[in-house]
Amino acid sequence: MRRWWQDLTDLVLPGECGGCGVPRTVLCARCRAVLCGAAVHRVRPVPEPPGLPLVHAAARYADEARAMLLAHKERGALALAGPLGVALAGAVRAGLRRASASAGAGMAWPLGGRAPVLLVPVPSGRRSVRARGHDPARRIALAAAGELRRRGVPARVVGVLRQRRAVADQAGLNSRQRLDNLAGALAVAPAGARLLAGGPVVLVDDVMTTGASLAEAARAVRAASSATGAPPGASGPIPNAGWTSVVYGGETWESREEQNVGSRRERTGRRPARQVNAGAVDAGGVFDVVCAAVVAASPDSFEINRN
């Protein structure tokens, strides 16, 4: 009830701008421009962790953008999920365009294609979710999926990643320590691999600093693909798959929040096989991470000589 009441008061009686603190608004025009008005960039941390997919970010993790993300994550400013989702959707679109151009005509993922874009959020630890009362990356991903659909891009959130073991707090750890801390920590939930074989897979998160979390998420998705045992390279239709509760499995609050941002819960049952573009999936359900997208990334990762 506390979370429902906080949601209501945030919407009806906004306290202050999440970026600069201007009163009586969720997000002022200037901070909204900082978040959504700048060009989306490809970002790469230094050092770049092995296995990191192509990553795009909407803003630098500094000043107003940093304040917005912290307000949403740590202080429960849930109304910020909407504009943060719009920014993330822009990063997803940029990543898909670049991945499509790099792959060539035979391996394209058109933004208006029939197969939905599958947004896979990097999960927060259970302890963090309990302390915050929500999973920030999943909440923003749900808002981003809604924004993509409004722009004519089929999209849904597939929350199939789970933490296999406890990890230490990442704050204060350097890039090497973060890689060691997260190594093998994530896995795709049971039945999740079949859900991922339904369109281009895009990893999403709120912030990228060292890239360790996204690299580990990519490793977990690729491991799940390899475990299907299908021969690589045999493209074809997606097999019939049971759409189970794993799509929105996990925290009850986030499952409810899906309705608030306009997403549609997938129900258990079978759907007919559907043809998608080569490279997104093969006859045995093999899939891969097309790209990754975040709302913000560390300023150093925007250096143009590495983009």
Protein backbone atom coordinates (compact mmCIF):
# COMPACT_ATOMS: atom_id res chain seq x y z
CA MET A 1 0.00 0.00 0.00
CA ARG A 2 2.89 2.35 0.73
CA ARG A 3 4.13 2.00 -2.88
CA TRP A 4 0.67 2.55 -4.34
CA TRP A 5 0.27 5.68 -2.24
CA GLN A 6 3.71 6.95 -3.25
CA ASP A 7 2.85 6.41 -6.92
CA LEU A 8 -0.37 8.36 -6.51
CA THR A 9 1.18 11.28 -4.67
CA ASP A 10 4.04 11.48 -7.20
CA LEU A 11 1.52 11.84 -10.03
CA VAL A 12 -0.98 14.14 -8.34
CA LEU A 13 1.32 16.27 -6.20
CA PRO A 14 4.78 16.30 -7.80
CA GLY A 15 7.30 17.66 -5.33
CA GLU A 16 10.30 18.77 -7.34
CA CYS A 17 12.14 18.15 -10.59
CA GLY A 18 14.15 14.95 -10.38
CA GLY A 19 17.08 16.59 -12.14
CA CYS A 20 17.51 20.09 -10.74
CA GLY A 21 15.06 20.37 -7.85
CA VAL A 22 12.74 23.01 -9.33
CA PRO A 23 9.49 22.72 -7.35
CA ARG A 24 6.07 21.53 -8.52
CA THR A 25 7.14 19.44 -11.47
CA VAL A 26 8.28 15.86 -11.99
CA LEU A 27 10.80 16.92 -14.64
CA CYS A 28 11.36 20.44 -15.92
CA ALA A 29 11.77 21.23 -19.61
CA ARG A 30 15.50 21.84 -19.31
CA CYS A 31 16.19 18.53 -17.57
CA ARG A 32 13.93 16.71 -20.00
CA ALA A 33 16.04 18.13 -22.83
CA VAL A 34 19.22 16.91 -21.11
CA LEU A 35 17.72 13.42 -20.88
CA CYS A 36 15.94 13.09 -24.21
CA GLY A 37 17.07 16.01 -26.36
CA ALA A 38 20.69 15.09 -27.00
CA ALA A 39 21.84 12.70 -29.71
CA VAL A 40 22.19 9.08 -28.67
CA HIS A 41 25.79 7.85 -28.78
CA ARG A 42 27.57 4.55 -28.92
CA VAL A 43 29.49 4.14 -25.67
CA ARG A 44 32.48 1.97 -24.74
CA PRO A 45 34.11 1.79 -21.31
CA VAL A 46 37.88 1.59 -20.91
CA PRO A 47 38.92 -1.11 -20.37
CA GLU A 48 36.15 -2.78 -22.37
CA PRO A 49 35.11 -6.09 -20.76
CA PRO A 50 35.20 -9.21 -22.96
CA GLY A 51 31.86 -10.07 -24.51
CA LEU A 52 30.34 -6.60 -24.13
CA PRO A 53 27.78 -6.08 -26.92
CA LEU A 54 27.32 -2.87 -28.87
CA VAL A 55 26.00 -0.32 -26.33
CA HIS A 56 24.18 2.98 -26.89
CA ALA A 57 23.35 5.59 -24.25
CA ALA A 58 21.00 8.57 -24.26
CA ALA A 59 22.90 10.75 -21.77
CA ARG A 60 26.08 11.14 -19.78
CA TYR A 61 25.86 9.90 -16.23
CA ALA A 62 26.53 13.26 -14.65
CA ASP A 63 24.73 16.30 -13.22
CA GLU A 64 20.99 16.31 -13.98
CA ALA A 65 20.89 12.86 -15.60
CA ARG A 66 22.66 11.31 -12.64
CA ALA A 67 20.28 13.07 -10.24
CA MET A 68 17.25 11.76 -12.15
CA LEU A 69 18.44 8.17 -12.14
CA LEU A 70 19.33 8.27 -8.45
CA ALA A 71 15.99 9.86 -7.59
CA HIS A 72 14.17 7.09 -9.44
CA LYS A 73 16.34 4.27 -8.10
CA GLU A 74 17.05 5.25 -4.53
CA ARG A 75 14.39 7.79 -3.54
CA GLY A 76 11.34 6.23 -5.14
CA ALA A 77 10.57 9.01 -7.64
CA LEU A 78 8.57 6.52 -9.70
CA ALA A 79 7.01 9.12 -11.99
CA LEU A 80 10.46 9.53 -13.57
CA ALA A 81 10.17 6.06 -15.10
CA GLY A 82 8.21 7.55 -18.03
CA PRO A 83 10.81 10.05 -19.27
CA LEU A 84 13.65 7.64 -18.43
CA GLY A 85 11.86 5.03 -20.54
CA VAL A 86 11.59 7.47 -23.46
CA ALA A 87 15.34 8.04 -23.28
CA LEU A 88 16.03 4.31 -23.13
CA ALA A 89 13.74 3.67 -26.11
CA GLY A 90 15.79 6.15 -28.14
CA ALA A 91 18.98 4.26 -27.24
CA VAL A 92 17.35 0.96 -28.23
CA ARG A 93 16.32 2.33 -31.62
CA ALA A 94 19.82 3.70 -32.27
CA GLY A 95 21.37 0.37 -31.33
CA LEU A 96 19.07 -1.60 -33.60
CA ARG A 97 19.74 0.75 -36.51
CA ARG A 98 23.52 0.42 -36.08
CA ALA A 99 23.37 -3.35 -35.61
CA SER A 100 21.21 -3.69 -38.71
CA ALA A 101 23.60 -1.58 -40.79
CA SER A 102 26.61 -3.54 -39.55
CA ALA A 103 25.03 -6.94 -40.15
CA GLY A 104 24.02 -6.29 -43.76
CA ALA A 105 20.84 -7.01 -45.64
CA GLY A 106 20.80 -10.73 -44.85
CA MET A 107 20.95 -10.17 -41.11
CA ALA A 108 18.74 -7.13 -40.65
CA TRP A 109 16.40 -6.36 -37.78
CA PRO A 110 14.06 -3.73 -39.24
CA LEU A 111 12.47 -1.46 -36.66
CA GLY A 112 9.09 -2.05 -38.22
CA GLY A 113 9.48 -5.83 -38.48
CA ARG A 114 6.88 -8.33 -37.34
CA ALA A 115 9.07 -9.92 -34.66
CA PRO A 116 8.99 -7.93 -31.40
CA VAL A 117 12.11 -6.43 -29.96
CA LEU A 118 12.81 -8.32 -26.74
CA LEU A 119 14.07 -6.01 -24.00
CA VAL A 120 15.96 -8.02 -21.38
CA PRO A 121 16.66 -5.93 -18.26
CA VAL A 122 19.73 -6.58 -16.12
CA PRO A 123 18.20 -7.65 -12.80
CA SER A 124 18.85 -6.01 -9.46
CA GLY A 125 19.75 -8.16 -6.49
CA ARG A 126 16.85 -9.40 -4.37
CA ARG A 127 18.10 -7.52 -1.34
CA SER A 128 18.26 -4.27 -3.32
CA VAL A 129 14.77 -4.82 -4.71
CA ARG A 130 13.38 -5.39 -1.24
CA ALA A 131 15.12 -2.30 0.12
CA ARG A 132 13.96 -0.05 -2.74
CA GLY A 133 10.54 -1.58 -3.19
CA HIS A 134 11.02 -1.90 -6.96
CA ASP A 135 13.44 -3.03 -9.66
CA PRO A 136 14.55 0.22 -11.39
CA ALA A 137 15.88 -1.30 -14.62
CA ARG A 138 12.76 -3.40 -15.16
CA ARG A 139 10.45 -0.46 -14.47
CA ILE A 140 12.31 1.73 -17.00
CA ALA A 141 12.37 -1.14 -19.50
CA LEU A 142 8.57 -1.46 -19.28
CA ALA A 143 8.21 2.26 -19.97
CA ALA A 144 10.65 1.96 -22.90
CA ALA A 145 8.68 -0.93 -24.41
CA GLY A 146 5.53 1.18 -24.28
CA GLU A 147 7.31 4.08 -25.97
CA LEU A 148 8.65 1.80 -28.71
CA ARG A 149 5.18 0.44 -29.41
CA ARG A 150 3.78 3.96 -29.61
CA ARG A 151 6.38 4.62 -32.30
CA GLY A 152 5.37 1.54 -34.26
CA VAL A 153 8.10 -0.80 -33.04
CA PRO A 154 6.74 -4.07 -31.58
CA ALA A 155 8.47 -4.58 -28.24
CA ARG A 156 8.03 -6.34 -24.95
CA VAL A 157 10.03 -6.88 -21.79
CA VAL A 158 11.34 -10.40 -21.20
CA GLY A 159 12.62 -10.50 -17.63
CA VAL A 160 14.35 -13.87 -17.83
CA LEU A 161 17.69 -13.10 -16.16
CA ARG A 162 18.13 -14.18 -12.56
CA GLN A 163 20.98 -13.92 -10.07
CA ARG A 164 22.42 -17.37 -9.38
CA ARG A 165 24.32 -16.24 -6.32
CA ALA A 166 24.77 -13.23 -4.11
CA VAL A 167 27.21 -10.56 -5.28
CA ALA A 168 29.02 -7.85 -3.36
CA ASP A 169 28.00 -4.20 -3.59
CA GLN A 170 29.62 -2.83 -6.75
CA ALA A 171 30.23 0.62 -5.28
CA GLY A 172 33.92 1.24 -4.83
CA LEU A 173 35.01 -1.69 -7.01
CA ASN A 174 37.22 -1.10 -10.05
CA SER A 175 36.51 -2.62 -13.45
CA ARG A 176 38.54 -5.80 -12.79
CA GLN A 177 36.95 -6.33 -9.40
CA ARG A 178 33.47 -5.84 -10.86
CA LEU A 179 34.13 -8.45 -13.53
CA ASP A 180 35.30 -10.92 -10.87
CA ASN A 181 32.37 -10.06 -8.63
CA LEU A 182 29.82 -10.73 -11.38
CA ALA A 183 31.50 -13.66 -13.15
CA GLY A 184 28.90 -16.42 -13.51
CA ALA A 185 26.40 -14.55 -11.33
CA LEU A 186 23.54 -14.41 -13.86
CA ALA A 187 21.59 -17.11 -15.65
CA VAL A 188 18.48 -17.34 -17.79
CA ALA A 189 15.53 -18.71 -15.81
CA PRO A 190 14.04 -22.10 -16.67
CA ALA A 191 11.95 -21.85 -19.85
CA GLY A 192 13.45 -18.42 -20.49
CA ALA A 193 15.57 -19.55 -23.43
CA ARG A 194 12.46 -20.40 -25.44
CA LEU A 195 11.05 -16.95 -24.78
CA LEU A 196 14.22 -15.31 -26.06
CA ALA A 197 13.85 -17.13 -29.39
CA GLY A 198 11.17 -14.73 -30.53
CA GLY A 199 12.91 -11.67 -31.90
CA PRO A 200 16.04 -9.50 -31.60
CA VAL A 201 17.37 -9.54 -28.03
CA VAL A 202 18.41 -6.17 -26.58
CA LEU A 203 19.93 -5.96 -23.11
CA VAL A 204 18.84 -2.88 -21.18
CA ASP A 205 19.90 -1.20 -17.94
CA ASP A 206 19.60 2.20 -16.35
CA VAL A 207 23.35 2.98 -16.11
CA MET A 208 26.59 1.60 -17.54
CA THR A 209 29.86 2.42 -15.77
CA THR A 210 32.44 -0.34 -16.35
CA GLY A 211 30.17 -2.52 -18.52
CA ALA A 212 30.65 -5.54 -16.26
CA SER A 213 26.92 -6.06 -15.66
CA LEU A 214 26.03 -5.94 -19.35
CA ALA A 215 28.92 -8.23 -20.27
CA GLU A 216 27.78 -10.80 -17.68
CA ALA A 217 24.17 -10.51 -18.88
CA ALA A 218 25.32 -11.11 -22.47
CA ARG A 219 27.33 -14.15 -21.36
CA ALA A 220 24.28 -15.60 -19.58
CA VAL A 221 22.03 -15.12 -22.63
CA ARG A 222 24.61 -16.68 -24.96
CA ALA A 223 25.08 -19.60 -22.58
CA ALA A 224 21.34 -20.23 -22.61
CA SER A 225 21.38 -20.16 -26.41
CA SER A 226 24.24 -22.68 -26.55
CA ALA A 227 22.40 -24.94 -24.13
CA THR A 228 19.53 -25.40 -26.58
CA GLY A 229 21.78 -27.75 -28.53
CA ALA A 230 20.55 -26.58 -31.92
CA PRO A 231 22.97 -26.54 -34.86
CA PRO A 232 24.16 -22.95 -35.40
CA GLY A 233 23.35 -21.18 -38.61
CA ALA A 234 20.15 -23.04 -39.50
CA SER A 235 17.70 -20.16 -39.80
CA GLY A 236 14.00 -20.75 -39.91
CA PRO A 237 10.72 -20.16 -38.13
CA ILE A 238 10.44 -19.98 -34.40
CA PRO A 239 9.14 -23.22 -32.91
CA ASN A 240 5.93 -23.10 -30.90
CA ALA A 241 6.78 -21.96 -27.42
CA GLY A 242 4.87 -21.83 -24.16
CA TRP A 243 4.61 -18.22 -23.04
CA THR A 244 4.98 -18.69 -19.31
CA SER A 245 4.96 -16.39 -16.33
CA VAL A 246 8.74 -16.11 -16.55
CA VAL A 247 8.21 -13.13 -18.85
CA TYR A 248 7.26 -11.05 -15.86
CA GLY A 249 8.27 -13.46 -13.15
CA GLY A 250 9.86 -12.09 -10.03
CA GLU A 251 8.80 -9.16 -7.90
CA THR A 252 5.04 -8.82 -7.51
CA TRP A 253 5.20 -5.02 -7.60
CA GLU A 254 6.93 -4.94 -10.97
CA SER A 255 4.35 -7.33 -12.38
CA ARG A 256 1.64 -4.90 -11.31
CA GLU A 257 3.57 -1.94 -12.63
CA GLU A 258 3.52 -3.49 -16.10
CA GLN A 259 -0.16 -2.58 -16.28
CA ASN A 260 0.58 1.02 -15.27
CA VAL A 261 2.97 1.63 -18.17
CA GLY A 262 0.65 0.08 -20.75
CA SER A 263 2.48 -3.19 -21.39
CA ARG A 264 0.53 -6.39 -21.99
CA ARG A 265 1.20 -9.43 -19.83
CA GLU A 266 1.92 -12.57 -21.83
CA ARG A 267 -0.31 -15.42 -20.69
CA THR A 268 0.51 -19.10 -20.51
CA GLY A 269 -0.46 -20.89 -23.68
CA ARG A 270 0.78 -21.61 -27.17
CA ARG A 271 0.99 -19.35 -30.15
CA PRO A 272 1.51 -20.25 -33.77
CA ALA A 273 5.02 -20.28 -35.15
CA ARG A 274 6.13 -17.00 -36.64
CA GLN A 275 8.75 -16.24 -39.27
CA VAL A 276 11.42 -13.71 -38.36
CA ASN A 277 14.55 -12.40 -39.97
CA ALA A 278 17.57 -14.61 -40.39
CA GLY A 279 20.10 -14.13 -37.65
CA ALA A 280 17.57 -13.43 -34.92
CA VAL A 281 16.71 -17.08 -34.29
CA ASP A 282 17.20 -20.49 -35.84
CA ALA A 283 15.15 -23.63 -36.06
CA GLY A 284 16.36 -24.91 -32.72
CA GLY A 285 15.91 -21.65 -30.85
CA VAL A 286 19.47 -20.33 -31.07
CA PHE A 287 19.63 -16.59 -30.43
CA ASP A 288 22.14 -13.92 -29.56
CA VAL A 289 22.30 -10.44 -28.13
CA VAL A 290 21.85 -7.93 -30.94
CA CYS A 291 22.90 -4.90 -28.88
CA ALA A 292 22.51 -3.21 -25.50
CA ALA A 293 21.06 0.13 -24.44
CA VAL A 294 21.19 2.24 -21.29
CA VAL A 295 19.73 5.54 -20.20
CA ALA A 296 23.14 6.92 -19.21
CA ALA A 297 26.79 5.91 -19.25
CA SER A 298 29.94 7.24 -17.64
CA PRO A 299 31.18 10.40 -19.40
CA ASP A 300 34.53 8.78 -20.29
CA SER A 301 32.75 6.15 -22.37
CA PHE A 302 31.49 8.88 -24.75
CA GLU A 303 34.99 9.76 -25.99
CA ILE A 304 34.60 10.25 -29.75
CA ASN A 305 37.95 8.68 -30.65
CA ARG A 306 36.57 5.36 -29.45
CA ASN A 307 33.11 5.62 -31.04
